[in-house]
mmCIF file of all heavy atoms, coordinates in Angstrom:
data_MODEL
# 
_entry.id   MODEL 
# 
loop_
_atom_site.group_PDB 
_atom_site.id 
_atom_site.type_symbol 
_atom_site.label_atom_id 
_atom_site.label_alt_id 
_atom_site.label_comp_id 
_atom_site.label_asym_id 
_atom_site.label_entity_id 
_atom_site.label_seq_id 
_atom_site.pdbx_PDB_ins_code 
_atom_site.Cartn_x 
_atom_site.Cartn_y 
_atom_site.Cartn_z 
_atom_site.occupancy 
_atom_site.B_iso_or_equiv 
_atom_site.pdbx_formal_charge 
_atom_site.auth_seq_id 
_atom_site.auth_comp_id 
_atom_site.auth_asym_id 
_atom_site.auth_atom_id 
_atom_site.pdbx_PDB_model_num 
ATOM 1   N N   . GLN A 1 1  ? 5.282  -0.822 -2.032  1.00 0.00 ? 1  GLN A N   1 
ATOM 2   C CA  . GLN A 1 1  ? 5.639  -2.135 -2.501  1.00 0.00 ? 1  GLN A CA  1 
ATOM 3   C C   . GLN A 1 1  ? 5.264  -3.153 -1.441  1.00 0.00 ? 1  GLN A C   1 
ATOM 4   O O   . GLN A 1 1  ? 5.182  -2.865 -0.241  1.00 0.00 ? 1  GLN A O   1 
ATOM 5   C CB  . GLN A 1 1  ? 7.157  -2.205 -2.767  1.00 0.00 ? 1  GLN A CB  1 
ATOM 6   C CG  . GLN A 1 1  ? 7.594  -1.307 -3.915  1.00 0.00 ? 1  GLN A CG  1 
ATOM 7   C CD  . GLN A 1 1  ? 9.044  -1.481 -4.270  1.00 0.00 ? 1  GLN A CD  1 
ATOM 8   O OE1 . GLN A 1 1  ? 9.609  -2.543 -4.091  1.00 0.00 ? 1  GLN A OE1 1 
ATOM 9   N NE2 . GLN A 1 1  ? 9.655  -0.426 -4.796  1.00 0.00 ? 1  GLN A NE2 1 
ATOM 10  N N   . GLU A 1 2  ? 5.037  -4.384 -1.877  1.00 0.00 ? 2  GLU A N   1 
ATOM 11  C CA  . GLU A 1 2  ? 4.635  -5.457 -0.979  1.00 0.00 ? 2  GLU A CA  1 
ATOM 12  C C   . GLU A 1 2  ? 5.593  -5.592 0.206   1.00 0.00 ? 2  GLU A C   1 
ATOM 13  O O   . GLU A 1 2  ? 5.189  -5.748 1.357   1.00 0.00 ? 2  GLU A O   1 
ATOM 14  C CB  . GLU A 1 2  ? 4.568  -6.774 -1.735  1.00 0.00 ? 2  GLU A CB  1 
ATOM 15  C CG  . GLU A 1 2  ? 3.838  -7.899 -1.016  1.00 0.00 ? 2  GLU A CG  1 
ATOM 16  C CD  . GLU A 1 2  ? 2.347  -7.805 -1.153  1.00 0.00 ? 2  GLU A CD  1 
ATOM 17  O OE1 . GLU A 1 2  ? 1.837  -7.495 -2.240  1.00 0.00 ? 2  GLU A OE1 1 
ATOM 18  O OE2 . GLU A 1 2  ? 1.639  -8.094 -0.137  1.00 0.00 ? 2  GLU A OE2 1 
ATOM 19  N N   . LYS A 1 3  ? 6.898  -5.463 -0.080  1.00 0.00 ? 3  LYS A N   1 
ATOM 20  C CA  . LYS A 1 3  ? 7.903  -5.644 0.952   1.00 0.00 ? 3  LYS A CA  1 
ATOM 21  C C   . LYS A 1 3  ? 7.872  -4.523 1.995   1.00 0.00 ? 3  LYS A C   1 
ATOM 22  O O   . LYS A 1 3  ? 8.401  -4.691 3.103   1.00 0.00 ? 3  LYS A O   1 
ATOM 23  C CB  . LYS A 1 3  ? 9.302  -5.706 0.324   1.00 0.00 ? 3  LYS A CB  1 
ATOM 24  C CG  . LYS A 1 3  ? 9.757  -4.441 -0.376  1.00 0.00 ? 3  LYS A CG  1 
ATOM 25  C CD  . LYS A 1 3  ? 11.137 -4.616 -0.983  1.00 0.00 ? 3  LYS A CD  1 
ATOM 26  C CE  . LYS A 1 3  ? 11.579 -3.357 -1.725  1.00 0.00 ? 3  LYS A CE  1 
ATOM 27  N NZ  . LYS A 1 3  ? 11.690 -2.173 -0.879  1.00 0.00 ? 3  LYS A NZ  1 
ATOM 28  N N   . ASP A 1 4  ? 7.242  -3.395 1.658   1.00 0.00 ? 4  ASP A N   1 
ATOM 29  C CA  . ASP A 1 4  ? 7.187  -2.255 2.593   1.00 0.00 ? 4  ASP A CA  1 
ATOM 30  C C   . ASP A 1 4  ? 6.027  -2.365 3.557   1.00 0.00 ? 4  ASP A C   1 
ATOM 31  O O   . ASP A 1 4  ? 6.004  -1.632 4.578   1.00 0.00 ? 4  ASP A O   1 
ATOM 32  C CB  . ASP A 1 4  ? 7.082  -0.938 1.798   1.00 0.00 ? 4  ASP A CB  1 
ATOM 33  C CG  . ASP A 1 4  ? 8.303  -0.669 0.936   1.00 0.00 ? 4  ASP A CG  1 
ATOM 34  O OD1 . ASP A 1 4  ? 9.409  -1.043 1.367   1.00 0.00 ? 4  ASP A OD1 1 
ATOM 35  O OD2 . ASP A 1 4  ? 8.119  -0.100 -0.155  1.00 0.00 ? 4  ASP A OD2 1 
ATOM 36  N N   . LEU A 1 5  ? 5.069  -3.221 3.279   1.00 0.00 ? 5  LEU A N   1 
ATOM 37  C CA  . LEU A 1 5  ? 3.903  -3.359 4.148   1.00 0.00 ? 5  LEU A CA  1 
ATOM 38  C C   . LEU A 1 5  ? 4.241  -4.220 5.357   1.00 0.00 ? 5  LEU A C   1 
ATOM 39  O O   . LEU A 1 5  ? 5.089  -5.112 5.294   1.00 0.00 ? 5  LEU A O   1 
ATOM 40  C CB  . LEU A 1 5  ? 2.729  -4.000 3.386   1.00 0.00 ? 5  LEU A CB  1 
ATOM 41  C CG  . LEU A 1 5  ? 2.261  -3.261 2.111   1.00 0.00 ? 5  LEU A CG  1 
ATOM 42  C CD1 . LEU A 1 5  ? 1.133  -4.034 1.458   1.00 0.00 ? 5  LEU A CD1 1 
ATOM 43  C CD2 . LEU A 1 5  ? 1.825  -1.843 2.458   1.00 0.00 ? 5  LEU A CD2 1 
ATOM 44  N N   . VAL A 1 6  ? 3.573  -3.948 6.460   1.00 0.00 ? 6  VAL A N   1 
ATOM 45  C CA  . VAL A 1 6  ? 3.766  -4.715 7.694   1.00 0.00 ? 6  VAL A CA  1 
ATOM 46  C C   . VAL A 1 6  ? 2.421  -5.391 8.007   1.00 0.00 ? 6  VAL A C   1 
ATOM 47  O O   . VAL A 1 6  ? 1.441  -4.683 8.312   1.00 0.00 ? 6  VAL A O   1 
ATOM 48  C CB  . VAL A 1 6  ? 4.208  -3.800 8.850   1.00 0.00 ? 6  VAL A CB  1 
ATOM 49  C CG1 . VAL A 1 6  ? 4.327  -4.632 10.130  1.00 0.00 ? 6  VAL A CG1 1 
ATOM 50  C CG2 . VAL A 1 6  ? 5.524  -3.119 8.547   1.00 0.00 ? 6  VAL A CG2 1 
ATOM 51  N N   . ASP A 1 7  ? 2.391  -6.701 7.875   1.00 0.00 ? 7  ASP A N   1 
ATOM 52  C CA  . ASP A 1 7  ? 1.147  -7.459 8.093   1.00 0.00 ? 7  ASP A CA  1 
ATOM 53  C C   . ASP A 1 7  ? 0.039  -6.925 7.176   1.00 0.00 ? 7  ASP A C   1 
ATOM 54  O O   . ASP A 1 7  ? -1.130 -6.814 7.555   1.00 0.00 ? 7  ASP A O   1 
ATOM 55  C CB  . ASP A 1 7  ? 0.689  -7.379 9.542   1.00 0.00 ? 7  ASP A CB  1 
ATOM 56  C CG  . ASP A 1 7  ? 1.697  -8.028 10.506  1.00 0.00 ? 7  ASP A CG  1 
ATOM 57  O OD1 . ASP A 1 7  ? 2.341  -9.002 10.101  1.00 0.00 ? 7  ASP A OD1 1 
ATOM 58  O OD2 . ASP A 1 7  ? 1.820  -7.493 11.637  1.00 0.00 ? 7  ASP A OD2 1 
ATOM 59  N N   . GLY A 1 8  ? 0.457  -6.544 5.961   1.00 0.00 ? 8  GLY A N   1 
ATOM 60  C CA  . GLY A 1 8  ? -0.504 -6.053 4.977   1.00 0.00 ? 8  GLY A CA  1 
ATOM 61  C C   . GLY A 1 8  ? -0.947 -4.620 5.171   1.00 0.00 ? 8  GLY A C   1 
ATOM 62  O O   . GLY A 1 8  ? -1.818 -4.140 4.452   1.00 0.00 ? 8  GLY A O   1 
ATOM 63  N N   . LEU A 1 9  ? -0.359 -3.921 6.134   1.00 0.00 ? 9  LEU A N   1 
ATOM 64  C CA  . LEU A 1 9  ? -0.736 -2.550 6.472   1.00 0.00 ? 9  LEU A CA  1 
ATOM 65  C C   . LEU A 1 9  ? 0.368  -1.563 6.133   1.00 0.00 ? 9  LEU A C   1 
ATOM 66  O O   . LEU A 1 9  ? 1.556  -1.911 6.110   1.00 0.00 ? 9  LEU A O   1 
ATOM 67  C CB  . LEU A 1 9  ? -1.083 -2.432 7.951   1.00 0.00 ? 9  LEU A CB  1 
ATOM 68  C CG  . LEU A 1 9  ? -2.142 -3.384 8.498   1.00 0.00 ? 9  LEU A CG  1 
ATOM 69  C CD1 . LEU A 1 9  ? -2.308 -3.184 9.991   1.00 0.00 ? 9  LEU A CD1 1 
ATOM 70  C CD2 . LEU A 1 9  ? -3.492 -3.148 7.788   1.00 0.00 ? 9  LEU A CD2 1 
ATOM 71  N N   . CYS A 1 10 ? -0.021 -0.306 5.875   1.00 0.00 ? 10 CYS A N   1 
ATOM 72  C CA  . CYS A 1 10 ? 0.956  0.768  5.744   1.00 0.00 ? 10 CYS A CA  1 
ATOM 73  C C   . CYS A 1 10 ? 1.705  0.894  7.059   1.00 0.00 ? 10 CYS A C   1 
ATOM 74  O O   . CYS A 1 10 ? 1.066  1.027  8.143   1.00 0.00 ? 10 CYS A O   1 
ATOM 75  C CB  . CYS A 1 10 ? 0.251  2.074  5.414   1.00 0.00 ? 10 CYS A CB  1 
ATOM 76  S SG  . CYS A 1 10 ? 1.329  3.544  5.541   1.00 0.00 ? 10 CYS A SG  1 
ATOM 77  N N   . PRO A 1 11 ? 3.050  0.853  7.052   1.00 0.00 ? 11 PRO A N   1 
ATOM 78  C CA  . PRO A 1 11 ? 3.791  0.902  8.307   1.00 0.00 ? 11 PRO A CA  1 
ATOM 79  C C   . PRO A 1 11 ? 3.664  2.232  9.045   1.00 0.00 ? 11 PRO A C   1 
ATOM 80  O O   . PRO A 1 11 ? 3.925  2.311  10.254  1.00 0.00 ? 11 PRO A O   1 
ATOM 81  C CB  . PRO A 1 11 ? 5.231  0.636  7.865   1.00 0.00 ? 11 PRO A CB  1 
ATOM 82  C CG  . PRO A 1 11 ? 5.270  1.074  6.440   1.00 0.00 ? 11 PRO A CG  1 
ATOM 83  C CD  . PRO A 1 11 ? 3.897  0.738  5.895   1.00 0.00 ? 11 PRO A CD  1 
ATOM 84  N N   . ILE A 1 12 ? 3.261  3.292  8.345   1.00 0.00 ? 12 ILE A N   1 
ATOM 85  C CA  . ILE A 1 12 ? 3.158  4.625  8.956   1.00 0.00 ? 12 ILE A CA  1 
ATOM 86  C C   . ILE A 1 12 ? 1.777  4.823  9.566   1.00 0.00 ? 12 ILE A C   1 
ATOM 87  O O   . ILE A 1 12 ? 1.629  5.212  10.718  1.00 0.00 ? 12 ILE A O   1 
ATOM 88  C CB  . ILE A 1 12 ? 3.466  5.720  7.920   1.00 0.00 ? 12 ILE A CB  1 
ATOM 89  C CG1 . ILE A 1 12 ? 4.895  5.555  7.390   1.00 0.00 ? 12 ILE A CG1 1 
ATOM 90  C CG2 . ILE A 1 12 ? 3.253  7.110  8.528   1.00 0.00 ? 12 ILE A CG2 1 
ATOM 91  C CD1 . ILE A 1 12 ? 5.209  6.496  6.228   1.00 0.00 ? 12 ILE A CD1 1 
ATOM 92  N N   . HIS A 1 13 ? 0.727  4.538  8.785   1.00 0.00 ? 13 HIS A N   1 
ATOM 93  C CA  . HIS A 1 13 ? -0.627 4.858  9.217   1.00 0.00 ? 13 HIS A CA  1 
ATOM 94  C C   . HIS A 1 13 ? -1.389 3.649  9.744   1.00 0.00 ? 13 HIS A C   1 
ATOM 95  O O   . HIS A 1 13 ? -2.490 3.800  10.266  1.00 0.00 ? 13 HIS A O   1 
ATOM 96  C CB  . HIS A 1 13 ? -1.405 5.496  8.048   1.00 0.00 ? 13 HIS A CB  1 
ATOM 97  C CG  . HIS A 1 13 ? -0.847 6.804  7.614   1.00 0.00 ? 13 HIS A CG  1 
ATOM 98  N ND1 . HIS A 1 13 ? 0.003  6.921  6.539   1.00 0.00 ? 13 HIS A ND1 1 
ATOM 99  C CD2 . HIS A 1 13 ? -0.998 8.035  8.115   1.00 0.00 ? 13 HIS A CD2 1 
ATOM 100 C CE1 . HIS A 1 13 ? 0.359  8.189  6.377   1.00 0.00 ? 13 HIS A CE1 1 
ATOM 101 N NE2 . HIS A 1 13 ? -0.233 8.877  7.316   1.00 0.00 ? 13 HIS A NE2 1 
ATOM 102 N N   . ARG A 1 14 ? -0.793 2.430  9.594   1.00 0.00 ? 14 ARG A N   1 
ATOM 103 C CA  . ARG A 1 14 ? -1.428 1.201  10.071  1.00 0.00 ? 14 ARG A CA  1 
ATOM 104 C C   . ARG A 1 14 ? -2.814 1.022  9.505   1.00 0.00 ? 14 ARG A C   1 
ATOM 105 O O   . ARG A 1 14 ? -3.761 0.590  10.179  1.00 0.00 ? 14 ARG A O   1 
ATOM 106 C CB  . ARG A 1 14 ? -1.477 1.187  11.618  1.00 0.00 ? 14 ARG A CB  1 
ATOM 107 C CG  . ARG A 1 14 ? -0.143 1.401  12.298  1.00 0.00 ? 14 ARG A CG  1 
ATOM 108 C CD  . ARG A 1 14 ? 0.856  0.323  11.900  1.00 0.00 ? 14 ARG A CD  1 
ATOM 109 N NE  . ARG A 1 14 ? 0.411  -1.013 12.347  1.00 0.00 ? 14 ARG A NE  1 
ATOM 110 C CZ  . ARG A 1 14 ? 1.015  -2.141 12.003  1.00 0.00 ? 14 ARG A CZ  1 
ATOM 111 N NH1 . ARG A 1 14 ? 2.072  -2.104 11.177  1.00 0.00 ? 14 ARG A NH1 1 
ATOM 112 N NH2 . ARG A 1 14 ? 0.580  -3.304 12.429  1.00 0.00 ? 14 ARG A NH2 1 
ATOM 113 N N   . THR A 1 15 ? -2.977 1.369  8.234   1.00 0.00 ? 15 THR A N   1 
ATOM 114 C CA  . THR A 1 15 ? -4.238 1.190  7.509   1.00 0.00 ? 15 THR A CA  1 
ATOM 115 C C   . THR A 1 15 ? -3.988 0.265  6.315   1.00 0.00 ? 15 THR A C   1 
ATOM 116 O O   . THR A 1 15 ? -2.869 0.130  5.835   1.00 0.00 ? 15 THR A O   1 
ATOM 117 C CB  . THR A 1 15 ? -4.802 2.522  7.004   1.00 0.00 ? 15 THR A CB  1 
ATOM 118 O OG1 . THR A 1 15 ? -3.787 3.205  6.210   1.00 0.00 ? 15 THR A OG1 1 
ATOM 119 C CG2 . THR A 1 15 ? -5.203 3.411  8.168   1.00 0.00 ? 15 THR A CG2 1 
ATOM 120 N N   . THR A 1 16 ? -5.042 -0.351 5.849   1.00 0.00 ? 16 THR A N   1 
ATOM 121 C CA  . THR A 1 16 ? -4.933 -1.259 4.696   1.00 0.00 ? 16 THR A CA  1 
ATOM 122 C C   . THR A 1 16 ? -4.953 -0.420 3.417   1.00 0.00 ? 16 THR A C   1 
ATOM 123 O O   . THR A 1 16 ? -5.909 0.305  3.144   1.00 0.00 ? 16 THR A O   1 
ATOM 124 C CB  . THR A 1 16 ? -6.116 -2.241 4.650   1.00 0.00 ? 16 THR A CB  1 
ATOM 125 O OG1 . THR A 1 16 ? -6.138 -2.972 5.865   1.00 0.00 ? 16 THR A OG1 1 
ATOM 126 C CG2 . THR A 1 16 ? -5.967 -3.194 3.485   1.00 0.00 ? 16 THR A CG2 1 
ATOM 127 N N   . PRO A 1 17 ? -3.887 -0.504 2.628   1.00 0.00 ? 17 PRO A N   1 
ATOM 128 C CA  . PRO A 1 17 ? -3.868 0.268  1.367   1.00 0.00 ? 17 PRO A CA  1 
ATOM 129 C C   . PRO A 1 17 ? -4.840 -0.311 0.327   1.00 0.00 ? 17 PRO A C   1 
ATOM 130 O O   . PRO A 1 17 ? -5.257 -1.461 0.443   1.00 0.00 ? 17 PRO A O   1 
ATOM 131 C CB  . PRO A 1 17 ? -2.409 0.137  0.890   1.00 0.00 ? 17 PRO A CB  1 
ATOM 132 C CG  . PRO A 1 17 ? -1.890 -1.088 1.562   1.00 0.00 ? 17 PRO A CG  1 
ATOM 133 C CD  . PRO A 1 17 ? -2.632 -1.240 2.839   1.00 0.00 ? 17 PRO A CD  1 
ATOM 134 N N   . ASP A 1 18 ? -5.212 0.532  -0.613  1.00 0.00 ? 18 ASP A N   1 
ATOM 135 C CA  . ASP A 1 18 ? -6.103 0.106  -1.688  1.00 0.00 ? 18 ASP A CA  1 
ATOM 136 C C   . ASP A 1 18 ? -5.277 -0.388 -2.877  1.00 0.00 ? 18 ASP A C   1 
ATOM 137 O O   . ASP A 1 18 ? -4.213 0.153  -3.158  1.00 0.00 ? 18 ASP A O   1 
ATOM 138 C CB  . ASP A 1 18 ? -6.972 1.282  -2.156  1.00 0.00 ? 18 ASP A CB  1 
ATOM 139 C CG  . ASP A 1 18 ? -7.835 1.838  -1.026  1.00 0.00 ? 18 ASP A CG  1 
ATOM 140 O OD1 . ASP A 1 18 ? -8.326 1.035  -0.215  1.00 0.00 ? 18 ASP A OD1 1 
ATOM 141 O OD2 . ASP A 1 18 ? -7.996 3.082  -0.963  1.00 0.00 ? 18 ASP A OD2 1 
ATOM 142 N N   . TRP A 1 19 ? -5.829 -1.401 -3.567  1.00 0.00 ? 19 TRP A N   1 
ATOM 143 C CA  . TRP A 1 19 ? -5.157 -1.843 -4.797  1.00 0.00 ? 19 TRP A CA  1 
ATOM 144 C C   . TRP A 1 19 ? -5.695 -0.991 -5.952  1.00 0.00 ? 19 TRP A C   1 
ATOM 145 O O   . TRP A 1 19 ? -6.889 -0.978 -6.223  1.00 0.00 ? 19 TRP A O   1 
ATOM 146 C CB  . TRP A 1 19 ? -5.464 -3.330 -5.078  1.00 0.00 ? 19 TRP A CB  1 
ATOM 147 C CG  . TRP A 1 19 ? -4.726 -3.839 -6.285  1.00 0.00 ? 19 TRP A CG  1 
ATOM 148 C CD1 . TRP A 1 19 ? -5.186 -3.944 -7.559  1.00 0.00 ? 19 TRP A CD1 1 
ATOM 149 C CD2 . TRP A 1 19 ? -3.353 -4.274 -6.309  1.00 0.00 ? 19 TRP A CD2 1 
ATOM 150 N NE1 . TRP A 1 19 ? -4.191 -4.425 -8.382  1.00 0.00 ? 19 TRP A NE1 1 
ATOM 151 C CE2 . TRP A 1 19 ? -3.067 -4.633 -7.668  1.00 0.00 ? 19 TRP A CE2 1 
ATOM 152 C CE3 . TRP A 1 19 ? -2.359 -4.400 -5.350  1.00 0.00 ? 19 TRP A CE3 1 
ATOM 153 C CZ2 . TRP A 1 19 ? -1.831 -5.118 -8.043  1.00 0.00 ? 19 TRP A CZ2 1 
ATOM 154 C CZ3 . TRP A 1 19 ? -1.107 -4.875 -5.747  1.00 0.00 ? 19 TRP A CZ3 1 
ATOM 155 C CH2 . TRP A 1 19 ? -0.845 -5.229 -7.065  1.00 0.00 ? 19 TRP A CH2 1 
ATOM 156 N N   . ILE A 1 20 ? -4.800 -0.264 -6.584  1.00 0.00 ? 20 ILE A N   1 
ATOM 157 C CA  . ILE A 1 20 ? -5.193 0.715  -7.606  1.00 0.00 ? 20 ILE A CA  1 
ATOM 158 C C   . ILE A 1 20 ? -4.450 0.474  -8.904  1.00 0.00 ? 20 ILE A C   1 
ATOM 159 O O   . ILE A 1 20 ? -3.261 0.166  -8.897  1.00 0.00 ? 20 ILE A O   1 
ATOM 160 C CB  . ILE A 1 20 ? -4.936 2.165  -7.103  1.00 0.00 ? 20 ILE A CB  1 
ATOM 161 C CG1 . ILE A 1 20 ? -5.909 2.527  -5.998  1.00 0.00 ? 20 ILE A CG1 1 
ATOM 162 C CG2 . ILE A 1 20 ? -5.057 3.161  -8.241  1.00 0.00 ? 20 ILE A CG2 1 
ATOM 163 C CD1 . ILE A 1 20 ? -5.722 3.931  -5.431  1.00 0.00 ? 20 ILE A CD1 1 
ATOM 164 N N   . ARG A 1 21 ? -5.153 0.622  -9.996  1.00 0.00 ? 21 ARG A N   1 
ATOM 165 C CA  . ARG A 1 21 ? -4.530 0.623  -11.311 1.00 0.00 ? 21 ARG A CA  1 
ATOM 166 C C   . ARG A 1 21 ? -4.845 1.939  -11.981 1.00 0.00 ? 21 ARG A C   1 
ATOM 167 O O   . ARG A 1 21 ? -6.009 2.320  -12.110 1.00 0.00 ? 21 ARG A O   1 
ATOM 168 C CB  . ARG A 1 21 ? -5.026 -0.537 -12.168 1.00 0.00 ? 21 ARG A CB  1 
ATOM 169 C CG  . ARG A 1 21 ? -4.429 -0.545 -13.576 1.00 0.00 ? 21 ARG A CG  1 
ATOM 170 C CD  . ARG A 1 21 ? -4.868 -1.751 -14.405 1.00 0.00 ? 21 ARG A CD  1 
ATOM 171 N NE  . ARG A 1 21 ? -4.402 -1.699 -15.777 1.00 0.00 ? 21 ARG A NE  1 
ATOM 172 C CZ  . ARG A 1 21 ? -3.187 -2.027 -16.182 1.00 0.00 ? 21 ARG A CZ  1 
ATOM 173 N NH1 . ARG A 1 21 ? -2.312 -2.476 -15.289 1.00 0.00 ? 21 ARG A NH1 1 
ATOM 174 N NH2 . ARG A 1 21 ? -2.829 -1.932 -17.459 1.00 0.00 ? 21 ARG A NH2 1 
ATOM 175 N N   . GLU A 1 22 ? -3.815 2.655  -12.391 1.00 0.00 ? 22 GLU A N   1 
ATOM 176 C CA  . GLU A 1 22 ? -3.996 3.987  -12.992 1.00 0.00 ? 22 GLU A CA  1 
ATOM 177 C C   . GLU A 1 22 ? -3.173 4.119  -14.270 1.00 0.00 ? 22 GLU A C   1 
ATOM 178 O O   . GLU A 1 22 ? -2.101 3.516  -14.408 1.00 0.00 ? 22 GLU A O   1 
ATOM 179 C CB  . GLU A 1 22 ? -3.520 5.083  -12.022 1.00 0.00 ? 22 GLU A CB  1 
ATOM 180 C CG  . GLU A 1 22 ? -4.376 5.287  -10.794 1.00 0.00 ? 22 GLU A CG  1 
ATOM 181 C CD  . GLU A 1 22 ? -3.882 6.430  -9.968  1.00 0.00 ? 22 GLU A CD  1 
ATOM 182 O OE1 . GLU A 1 22 ? -2.746 6.905  -10.158 1.00 0.00 ? 22 GLU A OE1 1 
ATOM 183 O OE2 . GLU A 1 22 ? -4.654 6.876  -9.099  1.00 0.00 ? 22 GLU A OE2 1 
ATOM 184 N N   . LYS A 1 23 ? -3.668 4.941  -15.174 1.00 0.00 ? 23 LYS A N   1 
ATOM 185 C CA  . LYS A 1 23 ? -2.877 5.364  -16.338 1.00 0.00 ? 23 LYS A CA  1 
ATOM 186 C C   . LYS A 1 23 ? -2.355 6.764  -16.038 1.00 0.00 ? 23 LYS A C   1 
ATOM 187 O O   . LYS A 1 23 ? -3.123 7.696  -15.858 1.00 0.00 ? 23 LYS A O   1 
ATOM 188 C CB  . LYS A 1 23 ? -3.774 5.365  -17.597 1.00 0.00 ? 23 LYS A CB  1 
ATOM 189 C CG  . LYS A 1 23 ? -4.154 3.979  -18.094 1.00 0.00 ? 23 LYS A CG  1 
ATOM 190 C CD  . LYS A 1 23 ? -4.937 4.063  -19.409 1.00 0.00 ? 23 LYS A CD  1 
ATOM 191 C CE  . LYS A 1 23 ? -5.250 2.653  -19.911 1.00 0.00 ? 23 LYS A CE  1 
ATOM 192 N NZ  . LYS A 1 23 ? -6.014 2.722  -21.207 1.00 0.00 ? 23 LYS A NZ  1 
ATOM 193 N N   . ASN A 1 24 ? -1.052 6.854  -15.945 1.00 0.00 ? 24 ASN A N   1 
ATOM 194 C CA  . ASN A 1 24 ? -0.412 8.120  -15.577 1.00 0.00 ? 24 ASN A CA  1 
ATOM 195 C C   . ASN A 1 24 ? 0.711  8.451  -16.540 1.00 0.00 ? 24 ASN A C   1 
ATOM 196 O O   . ASN A 1 24 ? 1.083  7.642  -17.401 1.00 0.00 ? 24 ASN A O   1 
ATOM 197 C CB  . ASN A 1 24 ? 0.175  8.027  -14.155 1.00 0.00 ? 24 ASN A CB  1 
ATOM 198 C CG  . ASN A 1 24 ? -0.892 7.933  -13.096 1.00 0.00 ? 24 ASN A CG  1 
ATOM 199 O OD1 . ASN A 1 24 ? -1.992 8.421  -13.268 1.00 0.00 ? 24 ASN A OD1 1 
ATOM 200 N ND2 . ASN A 1 24 ? -0.576 7.248  -11.990 1.00 0.00 ? 24 ASN A ND2 1 
ATOM 201 N N   . TYR A 1 25 ? 1.277  9.629  -16.338 1.00 0.00 ? 25 TYR A N   1 
ATOM 202 C CA  . TYR A 1 25 ? 2.516  10.000 -17.007 1.00 0.00 ? 25 TYR A CA  1 
ATOM 203 C C   . TYR A 1 25 ? 3.659  9.691  -16.070 1.00 0.00 ? 25 TYR A C   1 
ATOM 204 O O   . TYR A 1 25 ? 3.594  9.986  -14.859 1.00 0.00 ? 25 TYR A O   1 
ATOM 205 C CB  . TYR A 1 25 ? 2.495  11.475 -17.406 1.00 0.00 ? 25 TYR A CB  1 
ATOM 206 C CG  . TYR A 1 25 ? 1.563  11.753 -18.570 1.00 0.00 ? 25 TYR A CG  1 
ATOM 207 C CD1 . TYR A 1 25 ? 0.259  12.186 -18.365 1.00 0.00 ? 25 TYR A CD1 1 
ATOM 208 C CD2 . TYR A 1 25 ? 2.013  11.587 -19.882 1.00 0.00 ? 25 TYR A CD2 1 
ATOM 209 C CE1 . TYR A 1 25 ? -0.614 12.439 -19.414 1.00 0.00 ? 25 TYR A CE1 1 
ATOM 210 C CE2 . TYR A 1 25 ? 1.154  11.837 -20.956 1.00 0.00 ? 25 TYR A CE2 1 
ATOM 211 C CZ  . TYR A 1 25 ? -0.134 12.255 -20.722 1.00 0.00 ? 25 TYR A CZ  1 
ATOM 212 O OH  . TYR A 1 25 ? -0.973 12.487 -21.797 1.00 0.00 ? 25 TYR A OH  1 
# 
């Protein structure tokens, strides 16, 4: 979630996540 990111980065891996849209179950 947006609120979980730190400066737009994953707080664990410090990488920029990808914006993805998927059809799932």
